Amino acid sequence: MPQLAPVAPTNPMPTIVHGPDSPLLDVIRACARIAASEATVLITGETGTGKEAFARLLHERSRRAGRPLVSVNCGAIPETLLESELFGHVKGAFTGAASSRRGRLALAEGVTLVLD
């Protein structure tokens, strides 16, 4: 039985499925250009459209690729704690604040932060 040679992947982003003439290729190329900059990026879209996949693509092609990608599911944080989680708090700022705590925004300095 003949052996098949391995085929090199042609998809530049394995988690984003597209064909050779897909309009997504333009978006993927745009992500590569954006990732080379220091721009802050806002990705919007309906649930399930791949926002996090594109955020990951931007991260992997950026200068921050060797650092963590921090993803925060804001919907899972109670509204009353969201401000404290994102921006931090000092000891005694509210009931239960037994110690000071840096927020996720401060902790994510120099890395890629995804707020979902």
Protein backbone atom coordinates (compact mmCIF):
# COMPACT_ATOMS: atom_id res chain seq x y z
CA MET A 1 0.00 0.00 0.00
CA PRO A 2 1.51 3.40 -0.95
CA GLN A 3 2.29 5.86 1.79
CA LEU A 4 0.83 9.33 1.61
CA ALA A 5 3.15 12.27 2.12
CA PRO A 6 2.05 14.70 4.82
CA VAL A 7 0.21 17.69 3.44
CA ALA A 8 1.28 21.12 4.66
CA PRO A 9 -1.61 23.01 6.19
CA THR A 10 -2.89 25.83 3.99
CA ASN A 11 -5.10 27.42 6.63
CA PRO A 12 -3.17 30.28 8.29
CA MET A 13 -5.48 30.07 11.32
CA PRO A 14 -6.48 26.47 12.12
CA THR A 15 -9.36 27.50 14.41
CA ILE A 16 -10.92 29.62 11.65
CA VAL A 17 -12.36 27.43 8.92
CA HIS A 18 -12.39 28.93 5.45
CA GLY A 19 -11.94 28.02 1.80
CA PRO A 20 -9.37 29.36 -0.67
CA ASP A 21 -11.63 32.20 -1.91
CA SER A 22 -13.27 32.94 1.43
CA PRO A 23 -13.87 36.57 2.44
CA LEU A 24 -12.40 35.53 5.79
CA LEU A 25 -8.96 35.59 4.17
CA ASP A 26 -9.25 39.38 3.90
CA VAL A 27 -10.10 39.56 7.61
CA ILE A 28 -7.18 37.26 8.48
CA ARG A 29 -4.81 39.45 6.43
CA ALA A 30 -6.18 42.56 8.16
CA CYS A 31 -5.56 40.87 11.54
CA ALA A 32 -1.92 40.33 10.56
CA ARG A 33 -1.54 44.05 9.75
CA ILE A 34 -3.30 45.12 12.95
CA ALA A 35 -1.25 42.71 15.07
CA ALA A 36 1.95 44.42 13.89
CA SER A 37 0.73 47.68 15.47
CA GLU A 38 0.22 48.68 19.08
CA ALA A 39 -3.43 49.56 18.43
CA THR A 40 -6.19 48.77 20.88
CA VAL A 41 -8.74 46.57 19.10
CA LEU A 42 -12.47 46.19 19.66
CA ILE A 43 -13.97 43.06 18.14
CA THR A 44 -17.76 42.97 18.03
CA GLY A 45 -20.24 40.43 16.74
CA GLU A 46 -22.98 38.02 17.60
CA THR A 47 -22.41 35.04 19.87
CA GLY A 48 -20.62 32.24 18.07
CA THR A 49 -19.10 34.35 15.28
CA GLY A 50 -15.49 33.71 16.31
CA LYS A 51 -14.56 36.87 18.16
CA GLU A 52 -12.27 35.02 20.55
CA ALA A 53 -10.64 33.12 17.66
CA PHE A 54 -9.76 36.42 16.01
CA ALA A 55 -8.53 37.84 19.32
CA ARG A 56 -6.28 34.78 19.61
CA LEU A 57 -5.06 35.29 16.02
CA LEU A 58 -4.20 38.92 16.79
CA HIS A 59 -2.38 37.86 19.95
CA GLU A 60 -0.41 35.07 18.26
CA ARG A 61 0.78 37.43 15.52
CA SER A 62 1.60 40.34 17.84
CA ARG A 63 4.75 41.25 19.77
CA ARG A 64 2.94 39.92 22.84
CA ALA A 65 2.73 36.37 21.47
CA GLY A 66 5.24 35.08 24.02
CA ARG A 67 3.20 36.49 26.89
CA PRO A 68 -0.15 35.28 28.22
CA LEU A 69 -3.50 35.95 26.62
CA VAL A 70 -5.84 36.78 29.50
CA SER A 71 -9.52 36.17 28.82
CA VAL A 72 -12.13 37.44 31.27
CA ASN A 73 -15.73 36.23 30.99
CA CYS A 74 -17.39 39.38 32.33
CA GLY A 75 -20.82 37.73 32.16
CA ALA A 76 -19.72 35.23 34.82
CA ILE A 77 -18.78 37.98 37.29
CA PRO A 78 -21.67 39.36 39.35
CA GLU A 79 -22.45 42.98 38.43
CA THR A 80 -21.75 44.12 41.99
CA LEU A 81 -18.18 42.73 41.79
CA LEU A 82 -17.31 43.62 38.19
CA GLU A 83 -15.74 47.01 38.98
CA SER A 84 -13.62 45.51 41.75
CA GLU A 85 -12.56 42.57 39.56
CA LEU A 86 -11.50 44.81 36.67
CA PHE A 87 -10.03 47.79 38.53
CA GLY A 88 -9.13 46.33 41.92
CA HIS A 89 -9.82 47.70 45.39
CA VAL A 90 -8.16 48.71 48.62
CA LYS A 91 -8.65 47.02 51.97
CA GLY A 92 -11.95 48.06 53.55
CA ALA A 93 -13.39 49.56 50.34
CA PHE A 94 -16.51 47.44 50.82
CA THR A 95 -17.82 44.71 53.08
CA GLY A 96 -15.63 41.67 52.59
CA ALA A 97 -12.59 43.55 51.22
CA ALA A 98 -10.19 42.12 53.80
CA SER A 99 -7.11 43.09 51.76
CA SER A 100 -6.14 45.27 48.82
CA ARG A 101 -6.24 43.63 45.43
CA ARG A 102 -5.01 44.69 42.00
CA GLY A 103 -7.61 44.47 39.28
CA ARG A 104 -7.41 42.31 36.20
CA LEU A 105 -6.70 45.35 34.02
CA ALA A 106 -3.59 46.16 36.06
CA LEU A 107 -2.54 42.50 36.15
CA ALA A 108 -2.87 42.31 32.36
CA GLU A 109 -0.47 45.20 31.70
CA GLY A 110 1.80 44.25 28.78
CA VAL A 111 -0.23 41.20 27.77
CA THR A 112 -3.30 40.69 25.62
CA LEU A 113 -6.57 41.11 27.51
CA VAL A 114 -9.88 39.81 26.12
CA LEU A 115 -13.04 41.03 27.86
CA ASP A 116 -15.95 38.85 26.81
